[in-house]
PDB file of N, CA and C in Angstrom:
ATOM      1  N   UNK A   1       0.851  -1.170   0.000  1.00  0.00           N
ATOM      2  CA  UNK A   1       0.000   0.000   0.000  1.00  0.00           C
ATOM      3  C   UNK A   1       0.898   1.234   0.000  1.00  0.00           C
ATOM      4  N   UNK A   2       0.472   2.252  -0.760  1.00  0.00           N
ATOM      5  CA  UNK A   2       1.206   3.503  -0.861  1.00  0.00           C
ATOM      6  C   UNK A   2       0.267   4.655  -0.520  1.00  0.00           C
ATOM      7  N   UNK A   3       0.824   5.707   0.024  1.00  0.00           N
ATOM      8  CA  UNK A   3       0.070   6.933   0.261  1.00  0.00           C
ATOM      9  C   UNK A   3       0.480   7.918  -0.821  1.00  0.00           C
ATOM     10  N   UNK A   4      -0.508   8.522  -1.483  1.00  0.00           N
ATOM     11  CA  UNK A   4      -0.226   9.499  -2.536  1.00  0.00           C
ATOM     12  C   UNK A   4      -0.888  10.817  -2.168  1.00  0.00           C
ATOM     13  N   UNK A   5      -0.424  11.882  -2.802  1.00  0.00           N
ATOM     14  CA  UNK A   5      -0.988  13.209  -2.590  1.00  0.00           C
ATOM     15  C   UNK A   5      -1.873  13.560  -3.770  1.00  0.00           C
ATOM     16  N   UNK A   6      -3.015  14.151  -3.483  1.00  0.00           N
ATOM     17  CA  UNK A   6      -3.914  14.624  -4.538  1.00  0.00           C
ATOM     18  C   UNK A   6      -3.689  16.126  -4.670  1.00  0.00           C
ATOM     19  N   UNK A   7      -3.344  16.583  -5.889  1.00  0.00           N
ATOM     20  CA  UNK A   7      -3.086  18.004  -6.109  1.00  0.00           C
ATOM     21  C   UNK A   7      -4.385  18.789  -6.138  1.00  0.00           C
ATOM     22  N   UNK A   8      -4.275  20.109  -6.172  1.00  0.00           N
ATOM     23  CA  UNK A   8      -5.465  20.963  -6.222  1.00  0.00           C
ATOM     24  C   UNK A   8      -6.253  20.756  -7.512  1.00  0.00           C
ATOM     25  N   UNK A   9      -5.592  20.226  -8.571  1.00  0.00           N
ATOM     26  CA  UNK A   9      -6.286  19.923  -9.831  1.00  0.00           C
ATOM     27  C   UNK A   9      -6.822  18.492  -9.851  1.00  0.00           C
ATOM     28  N   UNK A  10      -6.694  17.765  -8.727  1.00  0.00           N
ATOM     29  CA  UNK A  10      -7.212  16.401  -8.658  1.00  0.00           C
ATOM     30  C   UNK A  10      -6.274  15.361  -9.228  1.00  0.00           C
ATOM     31  N   UNK A  11      -4.999  15.681  -9.414  1.00  0.00           N
ATOM     32  CA  UNK A  11      -4.047  14.734  -9.987  1.00  0.00           C
ATOM     33  C   UNK A  11      -3.328  13.972  -8.882  1.00  0.00           C
ATOM     34  N   UNK A  12      -2.978  12.711  -9.200  1.00  0.00           N
ATOM     35  CA  UNK A  12      -2.159  11.922  -8.292  1.00  0.00           C
ATOM     36  C   UNK A  12      -0.997  11.332  -9.074  1.00  0.00           C
ATOM     37  N   UNK A  13       0.031  10.921  -8.382  1.00  0.00           N
ATOM     38  CA  UNK A  13       1.135  10.192  -9.009  1.00  0.00           C
ATOM     39  C   UNK A  13       0.957   8.722  -8.675  1.00  0.00           C
ATOM     40  N   UNK A  14       1.012   7.884  -9.697  1.00  0.00           N
ATOM     41  CA  UNK A  14       0.904   6.446  -9.489  1.00  0.00           C
ATOM     42  C   UNK A  14       2.305   5.942  -9.148  1.00  0.00           C
ATOM     43  N   UNK A  15       2.472   5.220  -8.055  1.00  0.00           N
ATOM     44  CA  UNK A  15       3.795   4.719  -7.680  1.00  0.00           C
ATOM     45  C   UNK A  15       4.439   3.924  -8.822  1.00  0.00           C
ATOM     46  N   UNK A  16       5.763   4.067  -8.960  1.00  0.00           N
ATOM     47  CA  UNK A  16       6.511   3.457 -10.062  1.00  0.00           C
ATOM     48  C   UNK A  16       6.291   1.951 -10.150  1.00  0.00           C
ATOM     49  N   UNK A  17       6.247   1.283  -9.021  1.00  0.00           N
ATOM     50  CA  UNK A  17       6.048  -0.177  -9.028  1.00  0.00           C
ATOM     51  C   UNK A  17       4.742  -0.534  -9.727  1.00  0.00           C
ATOM     52  N   UNK A  18       3.671   0.188  -9.410  1.00  0.00           N
ATOM     53  CA  UNK A  18       2.378  -0.084 -10.037  1.00  0.00           C
ATOM     54  C   UNK A  18       2.390   0.279 -11.523  1.00  0.00           C
ATOM     55  N   UNK A  19       3.052   1.392 -11.873  1.00  0.00           N
ATOM     56  CA  UNK A  19       3.128   1.780 -13.294  1.00  0.00           C
ATOM     57  C   UNK A  19       3.812   0.694 -14.103  1.00  0.00           C
ATOM     58  N   UNK A  20       4.913   0.140 -13.581  1.00  0.00           N
ATOM     59  CA  UNK A  20       5.623  -0.933 -14.299  1.00  0.00           C
ATOM     60  C   UNK A  20       4.729  -2.170 -14.428  1.00  0.00           C
ATOM     61  N   UNK A  21       4.070  -2.560 -13.341  1.00  0.00           N
ATOM     62  CA  UNK A  21       3.224  -3.752 -13.368  1.00  0.00           C
ATOM     63  C   UNK A  21       2.056  -3.608 -14.341  1.00  0.00           C
ATOM     64  N   UNK A  22       1.518  -2.384 -14.464  1.00  0.00           N
ATOM     65  CA  UNK A  22       0.369  -2.157 -15.346  1.00  0.00           C
ATOM     66  C   UNK A  22       0.768  -1.752 -16.761  1.00  0.00           C
ATOM     67  N   UNK A  23       2.069  -1.581 -17.005  1.00  0.00           N
ATOM     68  CA  UNK A  23       2.524  -1.208 -18.348  1.00  0.00           C
ATOM     69  C   UNK A  23       2.398   0.265 -18.642  1.00  0.00           C
ATOM     70  N   UNK A  24       2.456   1.110 -17.613  1.00  0.00           N
ATOM     71  CA  UNK A  24       2.389   2.555 -17.805  1.00  0.00           C
ATOM     72  C   UNK A  24       3.779   3.170 -17.885  1.00  0.00           C
ATOM     73  N   UNK A  25       4.750   2.428 -18.426  1.00  0.00           N
ATOM     74  CA  UNK A  25       6.122   2.933 -18.476  1.00  0.00           C
ATOM     75  C   UNK A  25       6.267   4.093 -19.447  1.00  0.00           C
ATOM     76  N   UNK A  26       5.417   4.152 -20.446  1.00  0.00           N
ATOM     77  CA  UNK A  26       5.439   5.272 -21.388  1.00  0.00           C
ATOM     78  C   UNK A  26       4.082   5.960 -21.328  1.00  0.00           C
ATOM     79  N   UNK A  27       3.922   7.013 -22.082  1.00  0.00           N
ATOM     80  CA  UNK A  27       2.650   7.735 -22.090  1.00  0.00           C
ATOM     81  C   UNK A  27       1.539   6.793 -22.529  1.00  0.00           C
ATOM     82  N   UNK A  28       0.545   6.642 -21.709  1.00  0.00           N
ATOM     83  CA  UNK A  28      -0.573   5.741 -21.993  1.00  0.00           C
ATOM     84  C   UNK A  28      -1.876   6.391 -21.571  1.00  0.00           C
ATOM     85  N   UNK A  29      -2.958   5.789 -21.989  1.00  0.00           N
ATOM     86  CA  UNK A  29      -4.287   6.228 -21.574  1.00  0.00           C
ATOM     87  C   UNK A  29      -4.860   5.173 -20.636  1.00  0.00           C
ATOM     88  N   UNK A  30      -5.806   5.590 -19.803  1.00  0.00           N
ATOM     89  CA  UNK A  30      -6.413   4.661 -18.856  1.00  0.00           C
ATOM     90  C   UNK A  30      -7.886   5.011 -18.688  1.00  0.00           C
ATOM     91  N   UNK A  31      -8.638   4.035 -18.224  1.00  0.00           N
ATOM     92  CA  UNK A  31     -10.039   4.224 -17.881  1.00  0.00           C
ATOM     93  C   UNK A  31     -10.115   4.263 -16.364  1.00  0.00           C
ATOM     94  N   UNK A  32     -10.829   5.255 -15.836  1.00  0.00           N
ATOM     95  CA  UNK A  32     -11.025   5.363 -14.393  1.00  0.00           C
ATOM     96  C   UNK A  32     -12.510   5.163 -14.118  1.00  0.00           C
ATOM     97  N   UNK A  33     -12.819   4.198 -13.256  1.00  0.00           N
ATOM     98  CA  UNK A  33     -14.201   3.935 -12.874  1.00  0.00           C
ATOM     99  C   UNK A  33     -14.302   3.928 -11.353  1.00  0.00           C
ATOM    100  N   UNK A  34     -15.532   4.024 -10.866  1.00  0.00           N
ATOM    101  CA  UNK A  34     -15.768   3.990  -9.425  1.00  0.00           C
ATOM    102  C   UNK A  34     -16.647   2.797  -9.117  1.00  0.00           C
ATOM    103  N   UNK A  35     -16.186   1.951  -8.205  1.00  0.00           N
ATOM    104  CA  UNK A  35     -16.953   0.779  -7.780  1.00  0.00           C
ATOM    105  C   UNK A  35     -16.877   0.676  -6.269  1.00  0.00           C
ATOM    106  N   UNK A  36     -18.009   0.588  -5.633  1.00  0.00           N
ATOM    107  CA  UNK A  36     -18.083   0.415  -4.179  1.00  0.00           C
ATOM    108  C   UNK A  36     -17.232   1.436  -3.434  1.00  0.00           C
ATOM    109  N   UNK A  37     -17.263   2.681  -3.879  1.00  0.00           N
ATOM    110  CA  UNK A  37     -16.529   3.740  -3.202  1.00  0.00           C
ATOM    111  C   UNK A  37     -15.036   3.735  -3.448  1.00  0.00           C
ATOM    112  N   UNK A  38     -14.566   2.980  -4.461  1.00  0.00           N
ATOM    113  CA  UNK A  38     -13.140   2.921  -4.786  1.00  0.00           C
ATOM    114  C   UNK A  38     -12.930   3.305  -6.246  1.00  0.00           C
ATOM    115  N   UNK A  39     -11.788   3.945  -6.522  1.00  0.00           N
ATOM    116  CA  UNK A  39     -11.429   4.259  -7.893  1.00  0.00           C
ATOM    117  C   UNK A  39     -10.642   3.088  -8.481  1.00  0.00           C
ATOM    118  N   UNK A  40     -10.976   2.717  -9.699  1.00  0.00           N
ATOM    119  CA  UNK A  40     -10.276   1.643 -10.396  1.00  0.00           C
ATOM    120  C   UNK A  40      -9.638   2.257 -11.637  1.00  0.00           C
ATOM    121  N   UNK A  41      -8.329   2.083 -11.798  1.00  0.00           N
ATOM    122  CA  UNK A  41      -7.591   2.615 -12.950  1.00  0.00           C
ATOM    123  C   UNK A  41      -7.128   1.422 -13.777  1.00  0.00           C
ATOM    124  N   UNK A  42      -7.584   1.377 -15.039  1.00  0.00           N
ATOM    125  CA  UNK A  42      -7.218   0.272 -15.920  1.00  0.00           C
ATOM    126  C   UNK A  42      -6.575   0.823 -17.192  1.00  0.00           C
ATOM    127  N   UNK A  43      -5.437   0.269 -17.593  1.00  0.00           N
ATOM    128  CA  UNK A  43      -4.792   0.738 -18.820  1.00  0.00           C
ATOM    129  C   UNK A  43      -5.631   0.391 -20.043  1.00  0.00           C
ATOM    130  N   UNK A  44      -5.556   1.240 -21.055  1.00  0.00           N
ATOM    131  CA  UNK A  44      -6.216   0.988 -22.335  1.00  0.00           C
ATOM    132  C   UNK A  44      -5.133   0.594 -23.327  1.00  0.00           C
ATOM    133  N   UNK A  45      -5.319  -0.516 -23.995  1.00  0.00           N
ATOM    134  CA  UNK A  45      -4.359  -0.917 -25.019  1.00  0.00           C
ATOM    135  C   UNK A  45      -4.608  -0.112 -26.277  1.00  0.00           C
ATOM    136  N   UNK A  46      -3.538   0.406 -26.859  1.00  0.00           N
ATOM    137  CA  UNK A  46      -3.631   1.081 -28.147  1.00  0.00           C
ATOM    138  C   UNK A  46      -3.780  -0.014 -29.198  1.00  0.00           C
ATOM    139  N   UNK A  47      -4.767   0.107 -30.067  1.00  0.00           N
ATOM    140  CA  UNK A  47      -5.013  -0.965 -31.021  1.00  0.00           C
ATOM    141  C   UNK A  47      -3.826  -1.203 -31.946  1.00  0.00           C
ATOM    142  N   UNK A  48      -2.924  -0.228 -32.097  1.00  0.00           N
ATOM    143  CA  UNK A  48      -1.743  -0.442 -32.933  1.00  0.00           C
ATOM    144  C   UNK A  48      -0.752  -1.396 -32.261  1.00  0.00           C
ATOM    145  N   UNK A  49      -0.830  -1.544 -30.936  1.00  0.00           N
ATOM    146  CA  UNK A  49       0.041  -2.487 -30.237  1.00  0.00           C
ATOM    147  C   UNK A  49      -0.355  -3.927 -30.531  1.00  0.00           C
ATOM    148  N   UNK A  50      -1.531  -4.130 -31.069  1.00  0.00           N
ATOM    149  CA  UNK A  50      -2.013  -5.468 -31.366  1.00  0.00           C
ATOM    150  C   UNK A  50      -1.538  -5.951 -32.730  1.00  0.00           C
ATOM    151  N   UNK A  51      -0.677  -5.180 -33.387  1.00  0.00           N
ATOM    152  CA  UNK A  51      -0.189  -5.514 -34.717  1.00  0.00           C
ATOM    153  C   UNK A  51       0.337  -6.938 -34.784  1.00  0.00           C
ATOM    154  N   UNK A  52      -0.131  -7.697 -35.790  1.00  0.00           N
ATOM    155  CA  UNK A  52       0.323  -9.059 -35.982  1.00  0.00           C
ATOM    156  C   UNK A  52      -0.507 -10.096 -35.244  1.00  0.00           C
ATOM    157  N   UNK A  53      -1.473  -9.668 -34.448  1.00  0.00           N
ATOM    158  CA  UNK A  53      -2.264 -10.637 -33.688  1.00  0.00           C
ATOM    159  C   UNK A  53      -3.405 -11.231 -34.515  1.00  0.00           C
ATOM    160  N   UNK A  54      -3.721 -10.635 -35.650  1.00  0.00           N
ATOM    161  CA  UNK A  54      -4.760 -11.157 -36.535  1.00  0.00           C
ATOM    162  C   UNK A  54      -4.136 -11.553 -37.869  1.00  0.00           C
ATOM    163  N   UNK A  55      -4.524 -12.692 -38.396  1.00  0.00           N
ATOM    164  CA  UNK A  55      -3.995 -13.182 -39.668  1.00  0.00           C
ATOM    165  C   UNK A  55      -4.766 -12.567 -40.827  1.00  0.00           C
ATOM    166  N   UNK A  56      -4.050 -12.012 -41.790  1.00  0.00           N
ATOM    167  CA  UNK A  56      -4.661 -11.470 -43.003  1.00  0.00           C
ATOM    168  C   UNK A  56      -3.605 -11.364 -44.091  1.00  0.00           C
ATOM    169  N   UNK A  57      -4.049 -11.373 -45.317  1.00  0.00           N
ATOM    170  CA  UNK A  57      -3.132 -11.176 -46.442  1.00  0.00           C
ATOM    171  C   UNK A  57      -3.134  -9.729 -46.903  1.00  0.00           C
ATOM    172  N   UNK A  58      -4.010  -8.929 -46.313  1.00  0.00           N
ATOM    173  CA  UNK A  58      -4.114  -7.518 -46.672  1.00  0.00           C
ATOM    174  C   UNK A  58      -2.983  -6.758 -45.989  1.00  0.00           C
ATOM    175  N   UNK A  59      -2.263  -5.960 -46.758  1.00  0.00           N
ATOM    176  CA  UNK A  59      -1.166  -5.159 -46.213  1.00  0.00           C
ATOM    177  C   UNK A  59      -1.659  -3.733 -45.997  1.00  0.00           C
ATOM    178  N   UNK A  60      -1.682  -3.302 -44.749  1.00  0.00           N
ATOM    179  CA  UNK A  60      -2.137  -1.963 -44.388  1.00  0.00           C
ATOM    180  C   UNK A  60      -1.135  -1.387 -43.401  1.00  0.00           C
ATOM    181  N   UNK A  61      -0.754  -0.139 -43.626  1.00  0.00           N
ATOM    182  CA  UNK A  61       0.196   0.509 -42.722  1.00  0.00           C
ATOM    183  C   UNK A  61      -0.511   0.959 -41.446  1.00  0.00           C
ATOM    184  N   UNK A  62       0.244   1.121 -40.361  1.00  0.00           N
ATOM    185  CA  UNK A  62      -0.369   1.638 -39.126  1.00  0.00           C
ATOM    186  C   UNK A  62      -1.055   2.987 -39.338  1.00  0.00           C
ATOM    187  N   UNK A  63      -0.492   3.818 -40.217  1.00  0.00           N
ATOM    188  CA  UNK A  63      -1.100   5.123 -40.500  1.00  0.00           C
ATOM    189  C   UNK A  63      -2.476   4.934 -41.148  1.00  0.00           C
ATOM    190  N   UNK A  64      -2.587   4.004 -42.086  1.00  0.00           N
ATOM    191  CA  UNK A  64      -3.867   3.745 -42.745  1.00  0.00           C
ATOM    192  C   UNK A  64      -4.892   3.193 -41.754  1.00  0.00           C
ATOM    193  N   UNK A  65      -4.442   2.344 -40.832  1.00  0.00           N
ATOM    194  CA  UNK A  65      -5.346   1.797 -39.820  1.00  0.00           C
ATOM    195  C   UNK A  65      -5.873   2.916 -38.943  1.00  0.00           C
ATOM    196  N   UNK A  66      -4.976   3.778 -38.478  1.00  0.00           N
ATOM    197  CA  UNK A  66      -5.392   4.871 -37.597  1.00  0.00           C
ATOM    198  C   UNK A  66      -6.341   5.814 -38.338  1.00  0.00           C
ATOM    199  N   UNK A  67      -6.040   6.147 -39.604  1.00  0.00           N
ATOM    200  CA  UNK A  67      -6.919   7.028 -40.380  1.00  0.00           C
ATOM    201  C   UNK A  67      -8.300   6.391 -40.559  1.00  0.00           C
ATOM    202  N   UNK A  68      -8.329   5.089 -40.839  1.00  0.00           N
ATOM    203  CA  UNK A  68      -9.608   4.400 -40.987  1.00  0.00           C
ATOM    204  C   UNK A  68     -10.413   4.431 -39.699  1.00  0.00           C
ATOM    205  N   UNK A  69      -9.734   4.226 -38.586  1.00  0.00           N
ATOM    206  CA  UNK A  69     -10.404   4.266 -37.288  1.00  0.00           C
ATOM    207  C   UNK A  69     -10.908   5.672 -36.994  1.00  0.00           C
ATOM    208  N   UNK A  70     -10.094   6.688 -37.284  1.00  0.00           N
ATOM    209  CA  UNK A  70     -10.521   8.074 -37.080  1.00  0.00           C
ATOM    210  C   UNK A  70     -11.727   8.397 -37.953  1.00  0.00           C
ATOM    211  N   UNK A  71     -11.714   7.925 -39.201  1.00  0.00           N
ATOM    212  CA  UNK A  71     -12.853   8.157 -40.094  1.00  0.00           C
ATOM    213  C   UNK A  71     -14.118   7.486 -39.547  1.00  0.00           C
ATOM    214  N   UNK A  72     -13.955   6.274 -39.047  1.00  0.00           N
ATOM    215  CA  UNK A  72     -15.105   5.577 -38.455  1.00  0.00           C
ATOM    216  C   UNK A  72     -15.670   6.377 -37.287  1.00  0.00           C
ATOM    217  N   UNK A  73     -14.800   6.840 -36.394  1.00  0.00           N
ATOM    218  CA  UNK A  73     -15.259   7.626 -35.249  1.00  0.00           C
ATOM    219  C   UNK A  73     -15.937   8.909 -35.710  1.00  0.00           C
ATOM    220  N   UNK A  74     -15.389   9.543 -36.751  1.00  0.00           N
ATOM    221  CA  UNK A  74     -15.992  10.767 -37.270  1.00  0.00           C
ATOM    222  C   UNK A  74     -17.386  10.472 -37.822  1.00  0.00           C
ATOM    223  N   UNK A  75     -17.510   9.363 -38.556  1.00  0.00           N
ATOM    224  CA  UNK A  75     -18.810   8.998 -39.126  1.00  0.00           C
ATOM    225  C   UNK A  75     -19.831   8.722 -38.024  1.00  0.00           C
ATOM    226  N   UNK A  76     -19.418   8.010 -36.994  1.00  0.00           N
ATOM    227  CA  UNK A  76     -20.324   7.708 -35.884  1.00  0.00           C
ATOM    228  C   UNK A  76     -20.712   8.986 -35.140  1.00  0.00           C
ATOM    229  N   UNK A  77     -19.751   9.879 -34.965  1.00  0.00           N
ATOM    230  CA  UNK A  77     -19.991  11.101 -34.225  1.00  0.00           C
ATOM    231  C   UNK A  77     -20.890  12.087 -34.949  1.00  0.00           C
ATOM    232  N   UNK A  78     -20.921  11.990 -36.277  1.00  0.00           N
ATOM    233  CA  UNK A  78     -21.711  12.977 -37.023  1.00  0.00           C
ATOM    234  C   UNK A  78     -23.127  12.495 -37.314  1.00  0.00           C
ATOM    235  N   UNK A  79     -23.461  11.272 -36.930  1.00  0.00           N
ATOM    236  CA  UNK A  79     -24.821  10.773 -37.165  1.00  0.00           C
ATOM    237  C   UNK A  79     -25.814  11.664 -36.432  1.00  0.00           C
ATOM    238  N   UNK A  80     -26.823  12.076 -37.136  1.00  0.00           N
ATOM    239  CA  UNK A  80     -27.864  12.893 -36.534  1.00  0.00           C
ATOM    240  C   UNK A  80     -27.580  14.391 -36.585  1.00  0.00           C
ATOM    241  N   UNK A  81     -26.381  14.781 -37.030  1.00  0.00           N
ATOM    242  CA  UNK A  81     -26.085  16.215 -37.141  1.00  0.00           C
ATOM    243  C   UNK A  81     -26.704  16.766 -38.419  1.00  0.00           C
ATOM    244  N   UNK A  82     -27.207  17.991 -38.384  1.00  0.00           N
ATOM    245  CA  UNK A  82     -27.758  18.588 -39.608  1.00  0.00           C
ATOM    246  C   UNK A  82     -26.685  18.763 -40.682  1.00  0.00           C
ATOM    247  N   UNK A  83     -27.095  18.676 -41.937  1.00  0.00           N
ATOM    248  CA  UNK A  83     -26.177  18.827 -43.067  1.00  0.00           C
ATOM    249  C   UNK A  83     -25.377  20.124 -42.981  1.00  0.00           C
ATOM    250  N   UNK A  84     -26.058  21.211 -42.597  1.00  0.00           N
ATOM    251  CA  UNK A  84     -25.386  22.514 -42.540  1.00  0.00           C
ATOM    252  C   UNK A  84     -24.233  22.490 -41.535  1.00  0.00           C
ATOM    253  N   UNK A  85     -24.462  21.840 -40.401  1.00  0.00           N
ATOM    254  CA  UNK A  85     -23.425  21.743 -39.369  1.00  0.00           C
ATOM    255  C   UNK A  85     -22.243  20.949 -39.887  1.00  0.00           C
ATOM    256  N   UNK A  86     -22.508  19.840 -40.577  1.00  0.00           N
ATOM    257  CA  UNK A  86     -21.434  19.025 -41.132  1.00  0.00           C
ATOM    258  C   UNK A  86     -20.607  19.818 -42.143  1.00  0.00           C
ATOM    259  N   UNK A  87     -21.286  20.574 -42.977  1.00  0.00           N
ATOM    260  CA  UNK A  87     -20.565  21.387 -43.960  1.00  0.00           C
ATOM    261  C   UNK A  87     -19.708  22.442 -43.272  1.00  0.00           C
ATOM    262  N   UNK A  88     -20.249  23.071 -42.210  1.00  0.00           N
ATOM    263  CA  UNK A  88     -19.486  24.074 -41.460  1.00  0.00           C
ATOM    264  C   UNK A  88     -18.240  23.464 -40.824  1.00  0.00           C
ATOM    265  N   UNK A  89     -18.322  22.186 -40.464  1.00  0.00           N
ATOM    266  CA  UNK A  89     -17.181  21.498 -39.857  1.00  0.00           C
ATOM    267  C   UNK A  89     -16.167  21.017 -40.896  1.00  0.00           C
ATOM    268  N   UNK A  90     -16.457  21.234 -42.175  1.00  0.00           N
ATOM    269  CA  UNK A  90     -15.519  20.866 -43.230  1.00  0.00           C
ATOM    270  C   UNK A  90     -15.789  19.532 -43.885  1.00  0.00           C
ATOM    271  N   UNK A  91     -16.880  18.853 -43.524  1.00  0.00           N
ATOM    272  CA  UNK A  91     -17.224  17.583 -44.150  1.00  0.00           C
ATOM    273  C   UNK A  91     -17.782  17.845 -45.546  1.00  0.00           C
ATOM    274  N   UNK A  92     -17.503  16.922 -46.479  1.00  0.00           N
ATOM    275  CA  UNK A  92     -18.003  17.058 -47.843  1.00  0.00           C
ATOM    276  C   UNK A  92     -18.992  15.941 -48.128  1.00  0.00           C
ATOM    277  N   UNK A  93     -20.100  16.310 -48.761  1.00  0.00           N
ATOM    278  CA  UNK A  93     -21.109  15.312 -49.104  1.00  0.00           C
ATOM    279  C   UNK A  93     -20.655  14.602 -50.375  1.00  0.00           C
ATOM    280  N   UNK A  94     -20.325  13.316 -50.251  1.00  0.00           N
ATOM    281  CA  UNK A  94     -19.800  12.556 -51.386  1.00  0.00           C
ATOM    282  C   UNK A  94     -20.900  11.737 -52.067  1.00  0.00           C
ATOM    283  N   UNK A  95     -22.031  11.590 -51.414  1.00  0.00           N
ATOM    284  CA  UNK A  95     -23.218  10.930 -51.956  1.00  0.00           C
ATOM    285  C   UNK A  95     -24.386  11.442 -51.122  1.00  0.00           C
ATOM    286  N   UNK A  96     -25.620  11.214 -51.555  1.00  0.00           N
ATOM    287  CA  UNK A  96     -26.740  11.696 -50.746  1.00  0.00           C
ATOM    288  C   UNK A  96     -26.667  11.168 -49.311  1.00  0.00           C
ATOM    289  N   UNK A  97     -26.607  12.091 -48.367  1.00  0.00           N
ATOM    290  CA  UNK A  97     -26.535  11.792 -46.932  1.00  0.00           C
ATOM    291  C   UNK A  97     -25.275  11.033 -46.514  1.00  0.00           C
ATOM    292  N   UNK A  98     -24.236  11.062 -47.323  1.00  0.00           N
ATOM    293  CA  UNK A  98     -22.952  10.445 -46.973  1.00  0.00           C
ATOM    294  C   UNK A  98     -21.902  11.542 -47.003  1.00  0.00           C
ATOM    295  N   UNK A  99     -21.273  11.776 -45.851  1.00  0.00           N
ATOM    296  CA  UNK A  99     -20.293  12.840 -45.730  1.00  0.00           C
ATOM    297  C   UNK A  99     -18.920  12.257 -45.433  1.00  0.00           C
ATOM    298  N   UNK A 100     -17.905  12.835 -46.035  1.00  0.00           N
ATOM    299  CA  UNK A 100     -16.509  12.436 -45.787  1.00  0.00           C
ATOM    300  C   UNK A 100     -15.869  13.468 -44.870  1.00  0.00           C
ATOM    301  N   UNK A 101     -15.048  13.002 -43.910  1.00  0.00           N
ATOM    302  CA  UNK A 101     -14.400  13.960 -43.008  1.00  0.00           C
ATOM    303  C   UNK A 101     -13.422  14.838 -43.756  1.00  0.00           C
ATOM    304  N   UNK A 102     -13.104  16.010 -43.202  1.00  0.00           N
ATOM    305  CA  UNK A 102     -12.154  16.897 -43.867  1.00  0.00           C
ATOM    306  C   UNK A 102     -10.769  16.285 -43.944  1.00  0.00           C
ATOM    307  N   UNK A 103     -10.071  16.625 -44.982  1.00  0.00           N
ATOM    308  CA  UNK A 103      -8.686  16.147 -45.172  1.00  0.00           C
ATOM    309  C   UNK A 103      -7.774  16.916 -44.235  1.00  0.00           C
ATOM    310  N   UNK A 104      -6.767  16.241 -43.742  1.00  0.00           N
ATOM    311  CA  UNK A 104      -5.813  16.894 -42.825  1.00  0.00           C
ATOM    312  C   UNK A 104      -4.753  17.636 -43.584  1.00  0.00           C
TER     313      UNK A 104
END
């Protein structure tokens, strides 16, 4: 058990031993949940770290995977938004009611 300090912004430092055990040795993201009055911190795996875990003959670069995932999230996030709002955000209508995210 370790005692940590909570800063005025609500931040804490996770002890090094726990960071190593959970794989937080480099910059990572985590999910924080509350159960029975306790905070639970769980690391999130970056889907690019899973490279090679699925068999396929399709060759796709990590950049293409990330762009595809970002496009999917953009498409899901824009469902239900008015056409005018999508256009203001830089989306282009490529077919009736089908919008493509803005190019970077």
